[in-house]
Amino acid sequence: MTQQNSGLTVPTGRLETLTDGIFAIAMTILVVTIQIPIGPIHTTDLFVQTTSEVIPKFAVYFLSFLLLAVFWVDHHLFYLVKKTNFIMIWLNIFWLMFIALLPLSTSIIAQFPQYQLAQLIFDFNVLFIGIFLYAIWKYSIKKGMIPEEVKESYPYIKRILLFIPIVISAAILVTFINPQWSMVVLFLIPVLFLAGRKFWYKDTPKNTRLH
């Protein structure tokens, strides 16, 4: 692999381990955001009322988990990089910082879904994840860290990495109309990520497809 970067390069093994570890922890503790109201339940009506309060929190949990799954799958693109430098490492660290923050922003929106500020905190958290992921890709191309044979897949990779910040930006605008509708827009990310195969893979070799 050709390295155009004249600085010190290091293997990516530890960075990959750190990435998988943080994703595993973040995806696991997301379930804590589903807080069940504490108190005695003596009647069926009270149980139904309590359950109806918990169900919307499941929707937030599913959304956050699926978003993390999309980002984790997308990050497999960078396993093509076998050497990295300290700038690339720090870009990944800042990216992982917002990944680790997602359970907290998920908890905020799960508890206060009616407030625009809660939705904006969640939306901007996801937006920064998308922006840093795209920045990592652009930097790896600039420094020649991506193998030459992957160049045929650049259009596919660019489409899929730009798609996420665009949808999130639309969701942020929707919060000024109805904060809760922003969640519906964000659900388009995992849905279109899985359903839009023909668009993502347009003019893309089959051997470079991820999903």
N, C-alpha and C. Protein backbone atom coordinates (compact mmCIF):
# COMPACT_ATOMS: atom_id res chain seq x y z
N MET A 1 0.85 -1.19 0.00
CA MET A 1 0.00 0.00 0.00
C MET A 1 0.89 1.24 0.00
N THR A 2 0.63 2.16 -0.86
CA THR A 2 1.42 3.37 -0.96
C THR A 2 0.99 4.38 0.08
N GLN A 3 1.96 4.96 0.79
CA GLN A 3 1.67 5.99 1.77
C GLN A 3 2.23 7.32 1.29
N GLN A 4 1.37 8.24 0.96
CA GLN A 4 1.80 9.56 0.52
C GLN A 4 2.13 10.45 1.70
N ASN A 5 1.76 10.02 2.88
CA ASN A 5 2.02 10.80 4.07
C ASN A 5 3.42 10.51 4.56
N SER A 6 4.25 11.51 4.68
CA SER A 6 5.64 11.34 5.09
C SER A 6 5.79 11.22 6.59
N GLY A 7 4.73 11.43 7.36
CA GLY A 7 4.80 11.35 8.80
C GLY A 7 4.81 9.92 9.28
N LEU A 8 4.88 9.75 10.60
CA LEU A 8 4.92 8.44 11.21
C LEU A 8 3.59 7.72 11.01
N THR A 9 3.65 6.48 10.58
CA THR A 9 2.44 5.68 10.42
C THR A 9 2.47 4.53 11.41
N VAL A 10 1.30 4.10 11.84
CA VAL A 10 1.18 3.03 12.82
C VAL A 10 0.11 2.06 12.36
N PRO A 11 0.16 0.81 12.83
CA PRO A 11 -0.88 -0.16 12.46
C PRO A 11 -2.24 0.26 13.01
N THR A 12 -3.29 -0.29 12.40
CA THR A 12 -4.64 0.11 12.78
C THR A 12 -5.32 -0.86 13.75
N GLY A 13 -4.60 -1.91 14.14
CA GLY A 13 -5.20 -2.95 14.95
C GLY A 13 -5.81 -2.44 16.26
N ARG A 14 -5.06 -1.62 16.98
CA ARG A 14 -5.56 -1.14 18.27
C ARG A 14 -6.74 -0.19 18.09
N LEU A 15 -6.71 0.61 17.01
CA LEU A 15 -7.81 1.52 16.73
C LEU A 15 -9.08 0.73 16.39
N GLU A 16 -8.94 -0.33 15.63
CA GLU A 16 -10.09 -1.17 15.31
C GLU A 16 -10.66 -1.83 16.57
N THR A 17 -9.78 -2.27 17.46
CA THR A 17 -10.23 -2.87 18.72
C THR A 17 -10.97 -1.86 19.58
N LEU A 18 -10.42 -0.64 19.67
CA LEU A 18 -11.07 0.42 20.44
C LEU A 18 -12.44 0.74 19.85
N THR A 19 -12.51 0.83 18.53
CA THR A 19 -13.78 1.15 17.86
C THR A 19 -14.85 0.10 18.15
N ASP A 20 -14.50 -1.17 17.99
CA ASP A 20 -15.46 -2.24 18.25
C ASP A 20 -15.88 -2.26 19.72
N GLY A 21 -14.94 -1.98 20.62
CA GLY A 21 -15.25 -1.98 22.04
C GLY A 21 -16.23 -0.89 22.42
N ILE A 22 -16.00 0.32 21.90
CA ILE A 22 -16.89 1.44 22.22
C ILE A 22 -18.27 1.22 21.61
N PHE A 23 -18.32 0.70 20.40
CA PHE A 23 -19.62 0.40 19.79
C PHE A 23 -20.37 -0.64 20.61
N ALA A 24 -19.66 -1.68 21.06
CA ALA A 24 -20.31 -2.73 21.84
C ALA A 24 -20.89 -2.18 23.14
N ILE A 25 -20.12 -1.31 23.81
CA ILE A 25 -20.59 -0.73 25.07
C ILE A 25 -21.76 0.20 24.83
N ALA A 26 -21.63 1.09 23.83
CA ALA A 26 -22.68 2.07 23.55
C ALA A 26 -23.98 1.38 23.16
N MET A 27 -23.90 0.34 22.33
CA MET A 27 -25.10 -0.35 21.89
C MET A 27 -25.74 -1.14 23.03
N THR A 28 -24.92 -1.58 23.98
CA THR A 28 -25.45 -2.34 25.10
C THR A 28 -26.16 -1.45 26.11
N ILE A 29 -25.53 -0.33 26.47
CA ILE A 29 -26.11 0.51 27.52
C ILE A 29 -27.27 1.37 27.01
N LEU A 30 -27.54 1.32 25.71
CA LEU A 30 -28.71 2.03 25.19
C LEU A 30 -29.99 1.55 25.85
N VAL A 31 -30.02 0.27 26.22
CA VAL A 31 -31.24 -0.28 26.81
C VAL A 31 -31.58 0.39 28.14
N VAL A 32 -30.58 0.99 28.78
CA VAL A 32 -30.82 1.67 30.05
C VAL A 32 -31.71 2.90 29.86
N THR A 33 -31.76 3.41 28.64
CA THR A 33 -32.59 4.59 28.38
C THR A 33 -34.08 4.27 28.52
N ILE A 34 -34.43 2.99 28.49
CA ILE A 34 -35.84 2.60 28.67
C ILE A 34 -36.10 2.47 30.17
N GLN A 35 -36.44 3.56 30.80
CA GLN A 35 -36.70 3.58 32.23
C GLN A 35 -38.18 3.31 32.50
N ILE A 36 -38.44 2.25 33.26
CA ILE A 36 -39.81 1.90 33.60
C ILE A 36 -40.21 2.66 34.87
N PRO A 37 -41.36 3.34 34.87
CA PRO A 37 -41.81 4.06 36.06
C PRO A 37 -41.90 3.14 37.27
N ILE A 38 -41.35 3.59 38.40
CA ILE A 38 -41.34 2.79 39.62
C ILE A 38 -42.58 3.10 40.44
N GLY A 39 -43.21 2.07 40.91
CA GLY A 39 -44.40 2.26 41.74
C GLY A 39 -45.31 1.06 41.65
N PRO A 40 -46.15 0.84 42.65
CA PRO A 40 -47.06 -0.31 42.63
C PRO A 40 -48.12 -0.17 41.54
N ILE A 41 -48.42 -1.29 40.90
CA ILE A 41 -49.45 -1.33 39.87
C ILE A 41 -50.52 -2.31 40.35
N HIS A 42 -51.68 -1.79 40.66
CA HIS A 42 -52.72 -2.61 41.27
C HIS A 42 -53.86 -2.94 40.31
N THR A 43 -53.95 -2.23 39.20
CA THR A 43 -55.07 -2.44 38.29
C THR A 43 -54.57 -2.59 36.86
N THR A 44 -55.41 -3.19 36.04
CA THR A 44 -55.07 -3.35 34.62
C THR A 44 -54.95 -2.01 33.92
N ASP A 45 -55.82 -1.09 34.27
CA ASP A 45 -55.79 0.23 33.65
C ASP A 45 -54.48 0.95 33.95
N LEU A 46 -54.01 0.81 35.18
CA LEU A 46 -52.74 1.44 35.55
C LEU A 46 -51.57 0.79 34.82
N PHE A 47 -51.64 -0.52 34.63
CA PHE A 47 -50.59 -1.22 33.89
C PHE A 47 -50.56 -0.75 32.43
N VAL A 48 -51.76 -0.62 31.83
CA VAL A 48 -51.85 -0.16 30.44
C VAL A 48 -51.30 1.25 30.31
N GLN A 49 -51.63 2.10 31.29
CA GLN A 49 -51.14 3.48 31.27
C GLN A 49 -49.62 3.52 31.38
N THR A 50 -49.08 2.71 32.29
CA THR A 50 -47.62 2.66 32.46
C THR A 50 -46.94 2.14 31.20
N THR A 51 -47.52 1.11 30.61
CA THR A 51 -46.95 0.54 29.38
C THR A 51 -46.96 1.56 28.24
N SER A 52 -48.05 2.32 28.13
CA SER A 52 -48.14 3.32 27.07
C SER A 52 -47.09 4.41 27.22
N GLU A 53 -46.62 4.64 28.46
CA GLU A 53 -45.57 5.63 28.68
C GLU A 53 -44.20 5.09 28.30
N VAL A 54 -44.05 3.76 28.35
CA VAL A 54 -42.75 3.13 28.08
C VAL A 54 -42.55 2.88 26.58
N ILE A 55 -43.62 2.56 25.86
CA ILE A 55 -43.51 2.19 24.44
C ILE A 55 -42.78 3.23 23.60
N PRO A 56 -43.05 4.55 23.74
CA PRO A 56 -42.28 5.53 22.94
C PRO A 56 -40.77 5.47 23.19
N LYS A 57 -40.38 5.06 24.41
CA LYS A 57 -38.95 4.95 24.71
C LYS A 57 -38.32 3.80 23.95
N PHE A 58 -39.12 2.76 23.68
CA PHE A 58 -38.63 1.66 22.85
C PHE A 58 -38.31 2.16 21.44
N ALA A 59 -39.14 3.05 20.92
CA ALA A 59 -38.92 3.59 19.58
C ALA A 59 -37.59 4.34 19.51
N VAL A 60 -37.30 5.13 20.55
CA VAL A 60 -36.03 5.87 20.60
C VAL A 60 -34.86 4.89 20.70
N TYR A 61 -35.04 3.85 21.50
CA TYR A 61 -33.99 2.83 21.64
C TYR A 61 -33.71 2.16 20.30
N PHE A 62 -34.76 1.73 19.62
CA PHE A 62 -34.58 1.07 18.32
C PHE A 62 -33.89 1.99 17.32
N LEU A 63 -34.28 3.26 17.30
CA LEU A 63 -33.66 4.22 16.38
C LEU A 63 -32.17 4.37 16.67
N SER A 64 -31.82 4.59 17.92
CA SER A 64 -30.41 4.79 18.28
C SER A 64 -29.59 3.53 17.98
N PHE A 65 -30.15 2.37 18.29
CA PHE A 65 -29.42 1.12 18.04
C PHE A 65 -29.19 0.93 16.53
N LEU A 66 -30.22 1.19 15.73
CA LEU A 66 -30.07 1.04 14.29
C LEU A 66 -29.10 2.06 13.70
N LEU A 67 -29.11 3.28 14.23
CA LEU A 67 -28.16 4.29 13.75
C LEU A 67 -26.73 3.86 14.06
N LEU A 68 -26.50 3.35 15.27
CA LEU A 68 -25.17 2.86 15.61
C LEU A 68 -24.78 1.69 14.72
N ALA A 69 -25.73 0.84 14.38
CA ALA A 69 -25.45 -0.28 13.49
C ALA A 69 -25.02 0.21 12.11
N VAL A 70 -25.71 1.24 11.61
CA VAL A 70 -25.35 1.82 10.30
C VAL A 70 -23.93 2.39 10.35
N PHE A 71 -23.61 3.14 11.40
CA PHE A 71 -22.28 3.73 11.50
C PHE A 71 -21.21 2.64 11.65
N TRP A 72 -21.53 1.58 12.37
CA TRP A 72 -20.57 0.49 12.54
C TRP A 72 -20.30 -0.21 11.21
N VAL A 73 -21.36 -0.45 10.45
CA VAL A 73 -21.19 -1.08 9.13
C VAL A 73 -20.38 -0.16 8.21
N ASP A 74 -20.70 1.14 8.22
CA ASP A 74 -19.97 2.09 7.37
C ASP A 74 -18.50 2.13 7.74
N HIS A 75 -18.20 1.99 9.01
CA HIS A 75 -16.80 2.09 9.43
C HIS A 75 -15.97 0.92 8.92
N HIS A 76 -16.62 -0.15 8.46
CA HIS A 76 -15.87 -1.24 7.87
C HIS A 76 -15.10 -0.80 6.63
N LEU A 77 -15.54 0.29 6.01
CA LEU A 77 -14.80 0.83 4.87
C LEU A 77 -13.36 1.13 5.24
N PHE A 78 -13.14 1.52 6.49
CA PHE A 78 -11.81 1.96 6.91
C PHE A 78 -10.92 0.79 7.32
N TYR A 79 -11.48 -0.43 7.33
CA TYR A 79 -10.63 -1.59 7.56
C TYR A 79 -9.76 -1.88 6.34
N LEU A 80 -10.06 -1.18 5.23
CA LEU A 80 -9.17 -1.25 4.07
C LEU A 80 -7.85 -0.55 4.36
N VAL A 81 -7.85 0.35 5.34
CA VAL A 81 -6.65 1.10 5.70
C VAL A 81 -5.84 0.25 6.68
N LYS A 82 -4.63 -0.09 6.31
CA LYS A 82 -3.80 -0.93 7.15
C LYS A 82 -2.75 -0.14 7.93
N LYS A 83 -2.53 1.10 7.52
CA LYS A 83 -1.62 1.99 8.24
C LYS A 83 -2.30 3.34 8.43
N THR A 84 -2.05 3.96 9.57
CA THR A 84 -2.66 5.26 9.83
C THR A 84 -1.65 6.16 10.52
N ASN A 85 -2.00 7.42 10.70
CA ASN A 85 -1.11 8.34 11.40
C ASN A 85 -1.86 8.95 12.58
N PHE A 86 -1.20 9.83 13.31
CA PHE A 86 -1.78 10.34 14.54
C PHE A 86 -2.96 11.29 14.30
N ILE A 87 -2.95 12.00 13.17
CA ILE A 87 -4.10 12.85 12.85
C ILE A 87 -5.32 11.98 12.59
N MET A 88 -5.12 10.90 11.84
CA MET A 88 -6.21 9.98 11.57
C MET A 88 -6.73 9.34 12.86
N ILE A 89 -5.82 9.01 13.75
CA ILE A 89 -6.20 8.42 15.03
C ILE A 89 -7.07 9.39 15.82
N TRP A 90 -6.67 10.66 15.86
CA TRP A 90 -7.44 11.64 16.63
C TRP A 90 -8.78 11.96 15.99
N LEU A 91 -8.84 11.92 14.66
CA LEU A 91 -10.14 12.07 14.00
C LEU A 91 -11.08 10.94 14.43
N ASN A 92 -10.54 9.73 14.50
CA ASN A 92 -11.34 8.59 14.94
C ASN A 92 -11.72 8.71 16.41
N ILE A 93 -10.83 9.25 17.24
CA ILE A 93 -11.13 9.40 18.66
C ILE A 93 -12.27 10.40 18.87
N PHE A 94 -12.23 11.52 18.14
CA PHE A 94 -13.33 12.49 18.27
C PHE A 94 -14.63 11.89 17.75
N TRP A 95 -14.53 11.09 16.68
CA TRP A 95 -15.72 10.40 16.18
C TRP A 95 -16.29 9.45 17.22
N LEU A 96 -15.40 8.69 17.87
CA LEU A 96 -15.83 7.75 18.90
C LEU A 96 -16.39 8.47 20.13
N MET A 97 -15.91 9.68 20.39
CA MET A 97 -16.43 10.46 21.51
C MET A 97 -17.92 10.72 21.33
N PHE A 98 -18.33 11.05 20.11
CA PHE A 98 -19.76 11.29 19.86
C PHE A 98 -20.54 9.98 19.80
N ILE A 99 -19.88 8.88 19.42
CA ILE A 99 -20.53 7.56 19.49
C ILE A 99 -20.85 7.23 20.94
N ALA A 100 -19.87 7.43 21.83
CA ALA A 100 -20.06 7.13 23.26
C ALA A 100 -21.08 8.05 23.90
N LEU A 101 -21.27 9.24 23.32
CA LEU A 101 -22.22 10.21 23.86
C LEU A 101 -23.67 9.88 23.48
N LEU A 102 -23.86 9.04 22.48
CA LEU A 102 -25.20 8.80 21.97
C LEU A 102 -26.16 8.20 23.02
N PRO A 103 -25.73 7.28 23.88
CA PRO A 103 -26.66 6.81 24.91
C PRO A 103 -27.18 7.92 25.81
N LEU A 104 -26.36 8.92 26.11
CA LEU A 104 -26.82 10.03 26.94
C LEU A 104 -27.84 10.88 26.20
N SER A 105 -27.56 11.24 24.95
CA SER A 105 -28.53 12.05 24.20
C SER A 105 -29.80 11.25 23.93
N THR A 106 -29.67 9.93 23.80
CA THR A 106 -30.85 9.08 23.65
C THR A 106 -31.70 9.11 24.91
N SER A 107 -31.03 9.07 26.06
CA SER A 107 -31.75 9.13 27.34
C SER A 107 -32.48 10.45 27.50
N ILE A 108 -31.85 11.54 27.07
CA ILE A 108 -32.47 12.86 27.18
C ILE A 108 -33.74 12.94 26.34
N ILE A 109 -33.65 12.46 25.10
CA ILE A 109 -34.83 12.55 24.24
C ILE A 109 -35.91 11.55 24.66
N ALA A 110 -35.49 10.44 25.27
CA ALA A 110 -36.47 9.46 25.74
C ALA A 110 -37.28 10.02 26.91
N GLN A 111 -36.63 10.85 27.74
CA GLN A 111 -37.31 11.42 28.90
C GLN A 111 -38.09 12.69 28.57
N PHE A 112 -37.59 13.44 27.58
CA PHE A 112 -38.23 14.73 27.26
C PHE A 112 -38.50 14.85 25.76
N PRO A 113 -39.27 13.94 25.18
CA PRO A 113 -39.49 13.97 23.71
C PRO A 113 -40.28 15.18 23.23
N GLN A 114 -40.98 15.84 24.14
CA GLN A 114 -41.84 16.96 23.73
C GLN A 114 -41.07 18.26 23.55
N TYR A 115 -39.80 18.29 23.97
CA TYR A 115 -39.02 19.54 23.92
C TYR A 115 -38.10 19.56 22.72
N GLN A 116 -38.09 20.68 22.02
CA GLN A 116 -37.24 20.82 20.85
C GLN A 116 -35.76 20.72 21.20
N LEU A 117 -35.38 21.28 22.35
CA LEU A 117 -33.97 21.25 22.74
C LEU A 117 -33.48 19.82 22.91
N ALA A 118 -34.30 18.96 23.49
CA ALA A 118 -33.92 17.56 23.65
C ALA A 118 -33.69 16.91 22.30
N GLN A 119 -34.57 17.19 21.35
CA GLN A 119 -34.43 16.62 20.01
C GLN A 119 -33.20 17.18 19.31
N LEU A 120 -32.92 18.46 19.49
CA LEU A 120 -31.74 19.06 18.86
C LEU A 120 -30.45 18.47 19.42
N ILE A 121 -30.42 18.20 20.73
CA ILE A 121 -29.24 17.58 21.34
C ILE A 121 -28.97 16.23 20.68
N PHE A 122 -30.02 15.45 20.52
CA PHE A 122 -29.89 14.14 19.88
C PHE A 122 -29.48 14.28 18.41
N ASP A 123 -30.15 15.16 17.69
CA ASP A 123 -29.88 15.33 16.26
C ASP A 123 -28.44 15.79 16.00
N PHE A 124 -27.99 16.76 16.78
CA PHE A 124 -26.62 17.26 16.57
C PHE A 124 -25.58 16.21 16.98
N ASN A 125 -25.90 15.39 17.97
CA ASN A 125 -25.01 14.29 18.33
C ASN A 125 -24.81 13.37 17.12
N VAL A 126 -25.92 12.98 16.50
CA VAL A 126 -25.85 12.09 15.33
C VAL A 126 -25.19 12.81 14.15
N LEU A 127 -25.46 14.11 14.00
CA LEU A 127 -24.87 14.87 12.89
C LEU A 127 -23.36 14.89 12.99
N PHE A 128 -22.82 15.12 14.18
CA PHE A 128 -21.36 15.15 14.35
C PHE A 128 -20.75 13.79 14.08
N ILE A 129 -21.47 12.72 14.41
CA ILE A 129 -20.97 11.38 14.08
C ILE A 129 -20.83 11.24 12.57
N GLY A 130 -21.86 11.67 11.84
CA GLY A 130 -21.82 11.59 10.38
C GLY A 130 -20.74 12.46 9.77
N ILE A 131 -20.57 13.67 10.31
CA ILE A 131 -19.56 14.60 9.77
C ILE A 131 -18.15 14.06 9.99
N PHE A 132 -17.88 13.58 11.19
CA PHE A 132 -16.54 13.05 11.46
C PHE A 132 -16.25 11.80 10.64
N LEU A 133 -17.27 10.97 10.41
CA LEU A 133 -17.05 9.78 9.59
C LEU A 133 -16.67 10.17 8.16
N TYR A 134 -17.34 11.19 7.62
CA TYR A 134 -17.00 11.66 6.28
C TYR A 134 -15.61 12.31 6.26
N ALA A 135 -15.27 13.05 7.33
CA ALA A 135 -13.96 13.69 7.41
C ALA A 135 -12.84 12.64 7.46
N ILE A 136 -13.08 11.55 8.16
CA ILE A 136 -12.10 10.47 8.24
C ILE A 136 -11.85 9.88 6.84
N TRP A 137 -12.95 9.69 6.10
CA TRP A 137 -12.82 9.15 4.75
C TRP A 137 -12.05 10.10 3.84
N LYS A 138 -12.40 11.38 3.86
CA LYS A 138 -11.72 12.36 3.01
C LYS A 138 -10.24 12.46 3.35
N TYR A 139 -9.92 12.41 4.63
CA TYR A 139 -8.52 12.52 5.05
C TYR A 139 -7.74 11.28 4.59
N SER A 140 -8.36 10.11 4.69
CA SER A 140 -7.67 8.88 4.30
C SER A 140 -7.39 8.88 2.80
N ILE A 141 -8.29 9.47 2.01
CA ILE A 141 -8.05 9.58 0.57
C ILE A 141 -6.93 10.58 0.30
N LYS A 142 -6.98 11.73 0.96
CA LYS A 142 -5.98 12.78 0.76
C LYS A 142 -4.58 12.28 1.04
N LYS A 143 -4.44 11.44 2.06
CA LYS A 143 -3.12 10.96 2.46
C LYS A 143 -2.75 9.63 1.82
N GLY A 144 -3.55 9.19 0.86
CA GLY A 144 -3.20 7.97 0.13
C GLY A 144 -3.24 6.72 0.97
N MET A 145 -4.14 6.67 1.93
CA MET A 145 -4.21 5.50 2.82
C MET A 145 -5.15 4.42 2.29
N ILE A 146 -5.90 4.72 1.24
CA ILE A 146 -6.85 3.77 0.67
C ILE A 146 -6.19 3.08 -0.52
N PRO A 147 -6.29 1.75 -0.62
CA PRO A 147 -5.68 1.03 -1.75
C PRO A 147 -6.21 1.51 -3.09
N GLU A 148 -5.38 1.45 -4.10
CA GLU A 148 -5.74 1.92 -5.44
C GLU A 148 -6.94 1.17 -6.00
N GLU A 149 -7.05 -0.12 -5.69
CA GLU A 149 -8.13 -0.92 -6.28
C GLU A 149 -9.51 -0.53 -5.76
N VAL A 150 -9.56 0.29 -4.71
CA VAL A 150 -10.84 0.69 -4.14
C VAL A 150 -11.39 1.94 -4.85
N LYS A 151 -10.60 2.56 -5.70
CA LYS A 151 -11.02 3.80 -6.34
C LYS A 151 -12.33 3.65 -7.12
N GLU A 152 -12.57 2.47 -7.66
CA GLU A 152 -13.80 2.25 -8.41
C GLU A 152 -15.03 2.41 -7.53
N SER A 153 -14.84 2.25 -6.23
CA SER A 153 -15.97 2.32 -5.29
C SER A 153 -16.15 3.71 -4.68
N TYR A 154 -15.31 4.67 -5.05
CA TYR A 154 -15.41 6.02 -4.46
C TYR A 154 -16.80 6.63 -4.60
N PRO A 155 -17.46 6.54 -5.77
CA PRO A 155 -18.80 7.13 -5.88
C PRO A 155 -19.78 6.53 -4.88
N TYR A 156 -19.73 5.21 -4.72
CA TYR A 156 -20.62 4.54 -3.76
C TYR A 156 -20.35 5.03 -2.34
N ILE A 157 -19.08 5.07 -1.97
CA ILE A 157 -18.72 5.45 -0.61
C ILE A 157 -19.10 6.90 -0.33
N LYS A 158 -18.87 7.77 -1.30
CA LYS A 158 -19.21 9.18 -1.12
C LYS A 158 -20.71 9.35 -0.95
N ARG A 159 -21.50 8.64 -1.78
CA ARG A 159 -22.96 8.74 -1.67
C ARG A 159 -23.44 8.32 -0.29
N ILE A 160 -22.94 7.22 0.18
CA ILE A 160 -23.46 6.66 1.42
C ILE A 160 -23.00 7.45 2.64
N LEU A 161 -21.82 8.07 2.57
CA LEU A 161 -21.32 8.85 3.70
C LEU A 161 -21.94 10.25 3.74
N LEU A 162 -22.29 10.80 2.58
CA LEU A 162 -22.94 12.11 2.55
C LEU A 162 -24.44 12.01 2.83
N PHE A 163 -25.01 10.87 2.51
CA PHE A 163 -26.44 10.66 2.70
C PHE A 163 -26.85 10.87 4.16
N ILE A 164 -26.04 10.39 5.09
CA ILE A 164 -26.40 10.46 6.51
C ILE A 164 -26.45 11.90 7.02
N PRO A 165 -25.40 12.73 6.84
CA PRO A 165 -25.50 14.12 7.30
C PRO A 165 -26.63 14.90 6.64
N ILE A 166 -26.94 14.58 5.38
CA ILE A 166 -28.02 15.29 4.69
C ILE A 166 -29.37 14.99 5.35
N VAL A 167 -29.63 13.73 5.64
CA VAL A 167 -30.89 13.36 6.29
C VAL A 167 -30.97 13.96 7.69
N ILE A 168 -29.86 13.95 8.41
CA ILE A 168 -29.86 14.52 9.77
C ILE A 168 -30.11 16.02 9.73
N SER A 169 -29.53 16.70 8.75
CA SER A 169 -29.78 18.14 8.60
C SER A 169 -31.24 18.41 8.34
N ALA A 170 -31.88 17.56 7.53
CA ALA A 170 -33.31 17.69 7.28
C ALA A 170 -34.10 17.48 8.57
N ALA A 171 -33.67 16.52 9.39
CA ALA A 171 -34.34 16.26 10.66
C ALA A 171 -34.24 17.45 11.60
N ILE A 172 -33.10 18.12 11.59
CA ILE A 172 -32.92 19.31 12.43
C ILE A 172 -33.89 20.40 12.02
N LEU A 173 -34.06 20.59 10.72
CA LEU A 173 -35.01 21.60 10.24
C LEU A 173 -36.44 21.25 10.64
N VAL A 174 -36.75 19.95 10.62
CA VAL A 174 -38.10 19.51 10.98
C VAL A 174 -38.41 19.80 12.44
N THR A 175 -37.39 19.82 13.31
CA THR A 175 -37.65 20.09 14.73
C THR A 175 -38.28 21.46 14.95
N PHE A 176 -38.06 22.39 14.03
CA PHE A 176 -38.65 23.72 14.18
C PHE A 176 -40.13 23.74 13.79
N ILE A 177 -40.59 22.62 13.19
CA ILE A 177 -42.00 22.47 12.88
C ILE A 177 -42.68 21.59 13.93
N ASN A 178 -42.11 20.42 14.13
CA ASN A 178 -42.61 19.48 15.13
C ASN A 178 -41.45 18.61 15.59
N PRO A 179 -40.97 18.76 16.83
CA PRO A 179 -39.81 18.01 17.31
C PRO A 179 -39.95 16.50 17.15
N GLN A 180 -41.13 15.97 17.40
CA GLN A 180 -41.31 14.52 17.35
C GLN A 180 -41.27 13.97 15.93
N TRP A 181 -41.57 14.79 14.94
CA TRP A 181 -41.47 14.34 13.55
C TRP A 181 -40.02 14.16 13.12
N SER A 182 -39.12 14.79 13.84
CA SER A 182 -37.70 14.64 13.53
C SER A 182 -37.27 13.19 13.66
N MET A 183 -37.85 12.48 14.62
CA MET A 183 -37.52 11.07 14.81
C MET A 183 -37.91 10.25 13.58
N VAL A 184 -39.05 10.59 13.00
CA VAL A 184 -39.52 9.88 11.81
C VAL A 184 -38.53 10.07 10.66
N VAL A 185 -38.02 11.28 10.51
CA VAL A 185 -37.03 11.55 9.45
C VAL A 185 -35.76 10.74 9.68
N LEU A 186 -35.32 10.66 10.93
CA LEU A 186 -34.10 9.92 11.23
C LEU A 186 -34.25 8.43 10.97
N PHE A 187 -35.45 7.90 11.09
CA PHE A 187 -35.67 6.49 10.80
C PHE A 187 -35.41 6.19 9.32
N LEU A 188 -35.40 7.23 8.48
CA LEU A 188 -35.11 7.03 7.06
C LEU A 188 -33.67 6.54 6.85
N ILE A 189 -32.78 6.86 7.78
CA ILE A 189 -31.37 6.47 7.61
C ILE A 189 -31.22 4.95 7.58
N PRO A 190 -31.64 4.21 8.62
CA PRO A 190 -31.51 2.74 8.53
C PRO A 190 -32.40 2.13 7.46
N VAL A 191 -33.58 2.70 7.23
CA VAL A 191 -34.50 2.14 6.23
C VAL A 191 -33.89 2.26 4.83
N LEU A 192 -33.45 3.46 4.47
CA LEU A 192 -32.89 3.67 3.13
C LEU A 192 -31.52 3.03 2.98
N PHE A 193 -30.80 2.93 4.08
CA PHE A 193 -29.49 2.27 4.05
C PHE A 193 -29.64 0.81 3.61
N LEU A 194 -30.71 0.18 4.09
CA LEU A 194 -30.94 -1.23 3.75
C LEU A 194 -31.73 -1.39 2.46
N ALA A 195 -32.68 -0.47 2.23
CA ALA A 195 -33.58 -0.63 1.09
C ALA A 195 -33.03 -0.03 -0.20
N GLY A 196 -32.12 0.94 -0.09
CA GLY A 196 -31.66 1.65 -1.29
C GLY A 196 -30.45 1.04 -1.93
N ARG A 197 -30.40 -0.28 -2.01
CA ARG A 197 -29.23 -0.97 -2.52
C ARG A 197 -28.89 -0.55 -3.95
N LYS A 198 -29.88 -0.44 -4.82
CA LYS A 198 -29.60 -0.11 -6.22
C LYS A 198 -28.98 1.27 -6.37
N PHE A 199 -29.44 2.21 -5.52
CA PHE A 199 -28.88 3.56 -5.59
C PHE A 199 -27.45 3.59 -5.07
N TRP A 200 -27.24 2.95 -3.90
CA TRP A 200 -25.88 2.97 -3.33
C TRP A 200 -24.88 2.27 -4.25
N TYR A 201 -25.33 1.19 -4.87
CA TYR A 201 -24.40 0.36 -5.65
C TYR A 201 -24.37 0.68 -7.13
N LYS A 202 -24.96 1.80 -7.50
CA LYS A 202 -24.95 2.20 -8.90
C LYS A 202 -23.50 2.37 -9.38
N ASP A 203 -23.15 1.66 -10.46
CA ASP A 203 -21.79 1.73 -11.04
C ASP A 203 -20.73 1.30 -10.04
N THR A 204 -21.07 0.33 -9.16
CA THR A 204 -20.13 -0.12 -8.15
C THR A 204 -19.83 -1.60 -8.32
N PRO A 205 -18.55 -2.01 -8.34
CA PRO A 205 -18.22 -3.42 -8.46
C PRO A 205 -18.81 -4.24 -7.32
N LYS A 206 -19.28 -5.45 -7.62
CA LYS A 206 -19.93 -6.28 -6.60
C LYS A 206 -18.97 -6.66 -5.49
N ASN A 207 -17.69 -6.82 -5.79
CA ASN A 207 -16.76 -7.29 -4.77
C ASN A 207 -16.42 -6.24 -3.74
N THR A 208 -16.95 -5.00 -3.88
CA THR A 208 -16.65 -3.96 -2.90
C THR A 208 -17.90 -3.57 -2.11
N ARG A 209 -18.98 -4.31 -2.29
CA ARG A 209 -20.23 -3.96 -1.60
C ARG A 209 -20.22 -4.48 -0.17
N LEU A 210 -20.79 -3.66 0.73
CA LEU A 210 -20.78 -4.02 2.14
C LEU A 210 -22.07 -4.69 2.57
N HIS A 211 -23.19 -4.35 1.95
CA HIS A 211 -24.47 -4.86 2.44
C HIS A 211 -25.40 -5.23 1.29
